[in-house]
ModelCIF file with pLDDT and N, C-alpha, C, O atoms, coordinates in Angstrom:
data_MODEL
#
_entry.id   MODEL 
#
_entity.id                         1 
_entity.type                       polymer 
_entity.pdbx_number_of_molecules   1 
#
_entity_poly.entity_id                      1 
_entity_poly.type                           'polypeptide(L)' 
_entity_poly.nstd_linkage                   no 
_entity_poly.nstd_monomer                   no 
_entity_poly.pdbx_seq_one_letter_code       
;(UNK)(UNK)(UNK)(UNK)(UNK)(UNK)(UNK)(UNK)(UNK)(UNK)(UNK)(UNK)(UNK)(UNK)(UNK)(UNK)
(UNK)(UNK)(UNK)(UNK)(UNK)(UNK)(UNK)(UNK)(UNK)(UNK)(UNK)(UNK)(UNK)(UNK)(UNK)
;
_entity_poly.pdbx_seq_one_letter_code_can   XXXXXXXXXXXXXXXXXXXXXXXXXXXXXXX 
_entity_poly.pdbx_strand_id                 A 
#
loop_
_entity_poly_seq.entity_id 
_entity_poly_seq.num 
_entity_poly_seq.mon_id 
_entity_poly_seq.hetero 
1 1  UNK n 
1 2  UNK n 
1 3  UNK n 
1 4  UNK n 
1 5  UNK n 
1 6  UNK n 
1 7  UNK n 
1 8  UNK n 
1 9  UNK n 
1 10 UNK n 
1 11 UNK n 
1 12 UNK n 
1 13 UNK n 
1 14 UNK n 
1 15 UNK n 
1 16 UNK n 
1 17 UNK n 
1 18 UNK n 
1 19 UNK n 
1 20 UNK n 
1 21 UNK n 
1 22 UNK n 
1 23 UNK n 
1 24 UNK n 
1 25 UNK n 
1 26 UNK n 
1 27 UNK n 
1 28 UNK n 
1 29 UNK n 
1 30 UNK n 
1 31 UNK n 
#
_struct_asym.id          A 
_struct_asym.entity_id   1 
#
loop_
_ma_qa_metric.id 
_ma_qa_metric.mode 
_ma_qa_metric.name 
_ma_qa_metric.software_group_id 
_ma_qa_metric.type 
1 global pLDDT . pLDDT 
2 local  pLDDT . pLDDT 
#
_ma_qa_metric_global.metric_id      1 
_ma_qa_metric_global.metric_value   96.16 
_ma_qa_metric_global.model_id       1 
_ma_qa_metric_global.ordinal_id     1 
#
loop_
_ma_qa_metric_local.label_asym_id 
_ma_qa_metric_local.label_comp_id 
_ma_qa_metric_local.label_seq_id 
_ma_qa_metric_local.metric_id 
_ma_qa_metric_local.metric_value 
_ma_qa_metric_local.model_id 
_ma_qa_metric_local.ordinal_id 
A UNK 1  2 94.00 1 1  
A UNK 2  2 97.00 1 2  
A UNK 3  2 97.00 1 3  
A UNK 4  2 98.00 1 4  
A UNK 5  2 98.00 1 5  
A UNK 6  2 98.00 1 6  
A UNK 7  2 98.00 1 7  
A UNK 8  2 98.00 1 8  
A UNK 9  2 98.00 1 9  
A UNK 10 2 97.00 1 10 
A UNK 11 2 97.00 1 11 
A UNK 12 2 97.00 1 12 
A UNK 13 2 98.00 1 13 
A UNK 14 2 98.00 1 14 
A UNK 15 2 97.00 1 15 
A UNK 16 2 97.00 1 16 
A UNK 17 2 97.00 1 17 
A UNK 18 2 97.00 1 18 
A UNK 19 2 95.00 1 19 
A UNK 20 2 96.00 1 20 
A UNK 21 2 97.00 1 21 
A UNK 22 2 96.00 1 22 
A UNK 23 2 94.00 1 23 
A UNK 24 2 95.00 1 24 
A UNK 25 2 96.00 1 25 
A UNK 26 2 96.00 1 26 
A UNK 27 2 95.00 1 27 
A UNK 28 2 94.00 1 28 
A UNK 29 2 94.00 1 29 
A UNK 30 2 90.00 1 30 
A UNK 31 2 92.00 1 31 
#
loop_
_atom_site.group_PDB 
_atom_site.id 
_atom_site.type_symbol 
_atom_site.label_atom_id 
_atom_site.label_alt_id 
_atom_site.label_comp_id 
_atom_site.label_asym_id 
_atom_site.label_entity_id 
_atom_site.label_seq_id 
_atom_site.pdbx_PDB_ins_code 
_atom_site.Cartn_x 
_atom_site.Cartn_y 
_atom_site.Cartn_z 
_atom_site.occupancy 
_atom_site.B_iso_or_equiv 
_atom_site.pdbx_formal_charge 
_atom_site.auth_seq_id 
_atom_site.auth_comp_id 
_atom_site.auth_asym_id 
_atom_site.auth_atom_id 
_atom_site.pdbx_PDB_model_num 
ATOM 1   N N  . UNK A 1 1  ? 84.388 35.516 42.533 1.00 94.00 ? 1  UNK A N  1 
ATOM 2   C CA . UNK A 1 1  ? 83.046 33.329 41.624 1.00 94.00 ? 1  UNK A CA 1 
ATOM 3   C C  . UNK A 1 1  ? 82.270 34.927 41.596 1.00 94.00 ? 1  UNK A C  1 
ATOM 4   O O  . UNK A 1 1  ? 82.799 35.794 40.901 1.00 94.00 ? 1  UNK A O  1 
ATOM 5   N N  . UNK A 1 2  ? 81.141 35.219 42.296 1.00 97.00 ? 2  UNK A N  1 
ATOM 6   C CA . UNK A 1 2  ? 79.706 35.175 41.234 1.00 97.00 ? 2  UNK A CA 1 
ATOM 7   C C  . UNK A 1 2  ? 79.940 36.513 40.149 1.00 97.00 ? 2  UNK A C  1 
ATOM 8   O O  . UNK A 1 2  ? 79.380 36.410 39.057 1.00 97.00 ? 2  UNK A O  1 
ATOM 9   N N  . UNK A 1 3  ? 80.658 37.621 40.390 1.00 97.00 ? 3  UNK A N  1 
ATOM 10  C CA . UNK A 1 3  ? 81.146 38.377 39.993 1.00 97.00 ? 3  UNK A CA 1 
ATOM 11  C C  . UNK A 1 3  ? 80.137 38.215 38.522 1.00 97.00 ? 3  UNK A C  1 
ATOM 12  O O  . UNK A 1 3  ? 79.310 39.079 38.231 1.00 97.00 ? 3  UNK A O  1 
ATOM 13  N N  . UNK A 1 4  ? 80.306 37.295 37.898 1.00 98.00 ? 4  UNK A N  1 
ATOM 14  C CA . UNK A 1 4  ? 80.126 36.630 36.565 1.00 98.00 ? 4  UNK A CA 1 
ATOM 15  C C  . UNK A 1 4  ? 78.841 36.928 36.294 1.00 98.00 ? 4  UNK A C  1 
ATOM 16  O O  . UNK A 1 4  ? 78.293 37.128 35.210 1.00 98.00 ? 4  UNK A O  1 
ATOM 17  N N  . UNK A 1 5  ? 78.355 36.936 37.557 1.00 98.00 ? 5  UNK A N  1 
ATOM 18  C CA . UNK A 1 5  ? 76.310 36.817 37.652 1.00 98.00 ? 5  UNK A CA 1 
ATOM 19  C C  . UNK A 1 5  ? 75.644 38.436 37.317 1.00 98.00 ? 5  UNK A C  1 
ATOM 20  O O  . UNK A 1 5  ? 74.461 38.753 37.199 1.00 98.00 ? 5  UNK A O  1 
ATOM 21  N N  . UNK A 1 6  ? 76.335 38.914 37.263 1.00 98.00 ? 6  UNK A N  1 
ATOM 22  C CA . UNK A 1 6  ? 76.155 40.556 36.702 1.00 98.00 ? 6  UNK A CA 1 
ATOM 23  C C  . UNK A 1 6  ? 76.207 41.047 35.243 1.00 98.00 ? 6  UNK A C  1 
ATOM 24  O O  . UNK A 1 6  ? 75.665 42.044 34.765 1.00 98.00 ? 6  UNK A O  1 
ATOM 25  N N  . UNK A 1 7  ? 77.155 39.913 34.508 1.00 98.00 ? 7  UNK A N  1 
ATOM 26  C CA . UNK A 1 7  ? 76.791 40.110 33.203 1.00 98.00 ? 7  UNK A CA 1 
ATOM 27  C C  . UNK A 1 7  ? 75.179 39.301 32.542 1.00 98.00 ? 7  UNK A C  1 
ATOM 28  O O  . UNK A 1 7  ? 74.794 39.389 31.376 1.00 98.00 ? 7  UNK A O  1 
ATOM 29  N N  . UNK A 1 8  ? 74.752 38.847 33.221 1.00 98.00 ? 8  UNK A N  1 
ATOM 30  C CA . UNK A 1 8  ? 73.139 38.263 32.963 1.00 98.00 ? 8  UNK A CA 1 
ATOM 31  C C  . UNK A 1 8  ? 72.709 39.434 32.254 1.00 98.00 ? 8  UNK A C  1 
ATOM 32  O O  . UNK A 1 8  ? 72.854 40.549 32.753 1.00 98.00 ? 8  UNK A O  1 
ATOM 33  N N  . UNK A 1 9  ? 71.929 39.174 30.561 1.00 98.00 ? 9  UNK A N  1 
ATOM 34  C CA . UNK A 1 9  ? 70.965 40.552 30.666 1.00 98.00 ? 9  UNK A CA 1 
ATOM 35  C C  . UNK A 1 9  ? 69.906 40.640 30.350 1.00 98.00 ? 9  UNK A C  1 
ATOM 36  O O  . UNK A 1 9  ? 69.329 41.513 29.702 1.00 98.00 ? 9  UNK A O  1 
ATOM 37  N N  . UNK A 1 10 ? 69.128 38.536 31.370 1.00 97.00 ? 10 UNK A N  1 
ATOM 38  C CA . UNK A 1 10 ? 67.643 39.749 30.869 1.00 97.00 ? 10 UNK A CA 1 
ATOM 39  C C  . UNK A 1 10 ? 67.052 38.180 30.014 1.00 97.00 ? 10 UNK A C  1 
ATOM 40  O O  . UNK A 1 10 ? 65.822 38.151 30.044 1.00 97.00 ? 10 UNK A O  1 
ATOM 41  N N  . UNK A 1 11 ? 67.629 37.010 29.337 1.00 97.00 ? 11 UNK A N  1 
ATOM 42  C CA . UNK A 1 11 ? 67.136 36.908 28.131 1.00 97.00 ? 11 UNK A CA 1 
ATOM 43  C C  . UNK A 1 11 ? 65.822 35.539 28.848 1.00 97.00 ? 11 UNK A C  1 
ATOM 44  O O  . UNK A 1 11 ? 64.711 35.445 28.326 1.00 97.00 ? 11 UNK A O  1 
ATOM 45  N N  . UNK A 1 12 ? 66.125 34.879 29.719 1.00 97.00 ? 12 UNK A N  1 
ATOM 46  C CA . UNK A 1 12 ? 65.561 34.148 30.221 1.00 97.00 ? 12 UNK A CA 1 
ATOM 47  C C  . UNK A 1 12 ? 65.587 32.524 29.394 1.00 97.00 ? 12 UNK A C  1 
ATOM 48  O O  . UNK A 1 12 ? 64.959 31.469 29.476 1.00 97.00 ? 12 UNK A O  1 
ATOM 49  N N  . UNK A 1 13 ? 66.659 33.056 28.625 1.00 98.00 ? 13 UNK A N  1 
ATOM 50  C CA . UNK A 1 13 ? 66.765 31.285 27.270 1.00 98.00 ? 13 UNK A CA 1 
ATOM 51  C C  . UNK A 1 13 ? 67.894 30.641 28.224 1.00 98.00 ? 13 UNK A C  1 
ATOM 52  O O  . UNK A 1 13 ? 68.621 29.900 27.563 1.00 98.00 ? 13 UNK A O  1 
ATOM 53  N N  . UNK A 1 14 ? 68.330 30.721 29.879 1.00 98.00 ? 14 UNK A N  1 
ATOM 54  C CA . UNK A 1 14 ? 68.714 29.733 30.729 1.00 98.00 ? 14 UNK A CA 1 
ATOM 55  C C  . UNK A 1 14 ? 67.412 28.664 31.365 1.00 98.00 ? 14 UNK A C  1 
ATOM 56  O O  . UNK A 1 14 ? 67.506 27.544 31.867 1.00 98.00 ? 14 UNK A O  1 
ATOM 57  N N  . UNK A 1 15 ? 66.635 29.220 31.197 1.00 97.00 ? 15 UNK A N  1 
ATOM 58  C CA . UNK A 1 15 ? 65.223 28.816 32.195 1.00 97.00 ? 15 UNK A CA 1 
ATOM 59  C C  . UNK A 1 15 ? 64.640 27.950 31.078 1.00 97.00 ? 15 UNK A C  1 
ATOM 60  O O  . UNK A 1 15 ? 64.477 26.768 31.380 1.00 97.00 ? 15 UNK A O  1 
ATOM 61  N N  . UNK A 1 16 ? 64.285 28.335 29.799 1.00 97.00 ? 16 UNK A N  1 
ATOM 62  C CA . UNK A 1 16 ? 63.344 27.550 29.295 1.00 97.00 ? 16 UNK A CA 1 
ATOM 63  C C  . UNK A 1 16 ? 64.381 26.710 28.142 1.00 97.00 ? 16 UNK A C  1 
ATOM 64  O O  . UNK A 1 16 ? 64.088 26.531 26.960 1.00 97.00 ? 16 UNK A O  1 
ATOM 65  N N  . UNK A 1 17 ? 65.691 26.244 28.839 1.00 97.00 ? 17 UNK A N  1 
ATOM 66  C CA . UNK A 1 17 ? 66.210 25.222 28.669 1.00 97.00 ? 17 UNK A CA 1 
ATOM 67  C C  . UNK A 1 17 ? 66.642 24.085 29.790 1.00 97.00 ? 17 UNK A C  1 
ATOM 68  O O  . UNK A 1 17 ? 66.938 22.958 29.393 1.00 97.00 ? 17 UNK A O  1 
ATOM 69  N N  . UNK A 1 18 ? 66.663 24.336 30.890 1.00 97.00 ? 18 UNK A N  1 
ATOM 70  C CA . UNK A 1 18 ? 66.378 24.517 32.575 1.00 97.00 ? 18 UNK A CA 1 
ATOM 71  C C  . UNK A 1 18 ? 65.555 23.020 32.080 1.00 97.00 ? 18 UNK A C  1 
ATOM 72  O O  . UNK A 1 18 ? 64.816 23.096 31.098 1.00 97.00 ? 18 UNK A O  1 
ATOM 73  N N  . UNK A 1 19 ? 65.707 21.745 32.760 1.00 95.00 ? 19 UNK A N  1 
ATOM 74  C CA . UNK A 1 19 ? 64.895 20.484 33.032 1.00 95.00 ? 19 UNK A CA 1 
ATOM 75  C C  . UNK A 1 19 ? 63.555 20.975 34.019 1.00 95.00 ? 19 UNK A C  1 
ATOM 76  O O  . UNK A 1 19 ? 62.326 21.043 34.051 1.00 95.00 ? 19 UNK A O  1 
ATOM 77  N N  . UNK A 1 20 ? 64.789 21.251 34.777 1.00 96.00 ? 20 UNK A N  1 
ATOM 78  C CA . UNK A 1 20 ? 63.847 21.907 36.165 1.00 96.00 ? 20 UNK A CA 1 
ATOM 79  C C  . UNK A 1 20 ? 62.944 23.277 36.447 1.00 96.00 ? 20 UNK A C  1 
ATOM 80  O O  . UNK A 1 20 ? 62.082 23.408 37.316 1.00 96.00 ? 20 UNK A O  1 
ATOM 81  N N  . UNK A 1 21 ? 63.295 24.062 35.667 1.00 97.00 ? 21 UNK A N  1 
ATOM 82  C CA . UNK A 1 21 ? 62.890 25.065 35.766 1.00 97.00 ? 21 UNK A CA 1 
ATOM 83  C C  . UNK A 1 21 ? 61.461 25.000 34.009 1.00 97.00 ? 21 UNK A C  1 
ATOM 84  O O  . UNK A 1 21 ? 60.932 26.045 33.630 1.00 97.00 ? 21 UNK A O  1 
ATOM 85  N N  . UNK A 1 22 ? 61.198 23.775 33.376 1.00 96.00 ? 22 UNK A N  1 
ATOM 86  C CA . UNK A 1 22 ? 60.729 23.815 32.650 1.00 96.00 ? 22 UNK A CA 1 
ATOM 87  C C  . UNK A 1 22 ? 59.912 22.820 33.276 1.00 96.00 ? 22 UNK A C  1 
ATOM 88  O O  . UNK A 1 22 ? 58.793 22.600 32.812 1.00 96.00 ? 22 UNK A O  1 
ATOM 89  N N  . UNK A 1 23 ? 60.406 22.080 34.448 1.00 94.00 ? 23 UNK A N  1 
ATOM 90  C CA . UNK A 1 23 ? 58.975 20.909 35.327 1.00 94.00 ? 23 UNK A CA 1 
ATOM 91  C C  . UNK A 1 23 ? 57.935 22.259 35.892 1.00 94.00 ? 23 UNK A C  1 
ATOM 92  O O  . UNK A 1 23 ? 56.784 22.660 35.715 1.00 94.00 ? 23 UNK A O  1 
ATOM 93  N N  . UNK A 1 24 ? 59.372 22.702 36.808 1.00 95.00 ? 24 UNK A N  1 
ATOM 94  C CA . UNK A 1 24 ? 58.697 23.131 38.330 1.00 95.00 ? 24 UNK A CA 1 
ATOM 95  C C  . UNK A 1 24 ? 57.741 24.134 37.874 1.00 95.00 ? 24 UNK A C  1 
ATOM 96  O O  . UNK A 1 24 ? 56.538 24.129 38.136 1.00 95.00 ? 24 UNK A O  1 
ATOM 97  N N  . UNK A 1 25 ? 58.796 25.581 36.693 1.00 96.00 ? 25 UNK A N  1 
ATOM 98  C CA . UNK A 1 25 ? 57.969 26.525 37.525 1.00 96.00 ? 25 UNK A CA 1 
ATOM 99  C C  . UNK A 1 25 ? 58.561 27.556 37.969 1.00 96.00 ? 25 UNK A C  1 
ATOM 100 O O  . UNK A 1 25 ? 59.507 27.718 38.741 1.00 96.00 ? 25 UNK A O  1 
ATOM 101 N N  . UNK A 1 26 ? 57.694 28.444 37.216 1.00 96.00 ? 26 UNK A N  1 
ATOM 102 C CA . UNK A 1 26 ? 59.023 29.685 37.933 1.00 96.00 ? 26 UNK A CA 1 
ATOM 103 C C  . UNK A 1 26 ? 58.744 30.349 39.404 1.00 96.00 ? 26 UNK A C  1 
ATOM 104 O O  . UNK A 1 26 ? 59.681 30.805 40.060 1.00 96.00 ? 26 UNK A O  1 
ATOM 105 N N  . UNK A 1 27 ? 56.961 30.382 40.027 1.00 95.00 ? 27 UNK A N  1 
ATOM 106 C CA . UNK A 1 27 ? 56.837 29.734 40.850 1.00 95.00 ? 27 UNK A CA 1 
ATOM 107 C C  . UNK A 1 27 ? 56.944 28.849 42.414 1.00 95.00 ? 27 UNK A C  1 
ATOM 108 O O  . UNK A 1 27 ? 56.484 29.096 43.529 1.00 95.00 ? 27 UNK A O  1 
ATOM 109 N N  . UNK A 1 28 ? 57.638 27.919 41.962 1.00 94.00 ? 28 UNK A N  1 
ATOM 110 C CA . UNK A 1 28 ? 57.945 27.182 43.077 1.00 94.00 ? 28 UNK A CA 1 
ATOM 111 C C  . UNK A 1 28 ? 59.773 27.860 43.401 1.00 94.00 ? 28 UNK A C  1 
ATOM 112 O O  . UNK A 1 28 ? 60.282 27.427 44.434 1.00 94.00 ? 28 UNK A O  1 
ATOM 113 N N  . UNK A 1 29 ? 60.850 29.080 42.346 1.00 94.00 ? 29 UNK A N  1 
ATOM 114 C CA . UNK A 1 29 ? 61.714 29.555 43.096 1.00 94.00 ? 29 UNK A CA 1 
ATOM 115 C C  . UNK A 1 29 ? 61.298 30.583 44.062 1.00 94.00 ? 29 UNK A C  1 
ATOM 116 O O  . UNK A 1 29 ? 62.141 31.182 44.730 1.00 94.00 ? 29 UNK A O  1 
ATOM 117 N N  . UNK A 1 30 ? 60.003 30.822 44.172 1.00 90.00 ? 30 UNK A N  1 
ATOM 118 C CA . UNK A 1 30 ? 60.262 31.168 45.599 1.00 90.00 ? 30 UNK A CA 1 
ATOM 119 C C  . UNK A 1 30 ? 60.428 32.719 45.065 1.00 90.00 ? 30 UNK A C  1 
ATOM 120 O O  . UNK A 1 30 ? 61.069 33.412 45.855 1.00 90.00 ? 30 UNK A O  1 
ATOM 121 N N  . UNK A 1 31 ? 60.083 33.236 44.162 1.00 92.00 ? 31 UNK A N  1 
ATOM 122 C CA . UNK A 1 31 ? 61.340 34.948 44.297 1.00 92.00 ? 31 UNK A CA 1 
ATOM 123 C C  . UNK A 1 31 ? 60.592 34.926 42.872 1.00 92.00 ? 31 UNK A C  1 
ATOM 124 O O  . UNK A 1 31 ? 60.794 35.824 42.055 1.00 92.00 ? 31 UNK A O  1 
#
């Protein structure tokens, strides 16, 4: 089920669109 996550090319597009990230910021995720 999770193998698909290895397709990621680290573009950051999902961060820019995510309503949680866009308010919480990256440091809240702790890693």
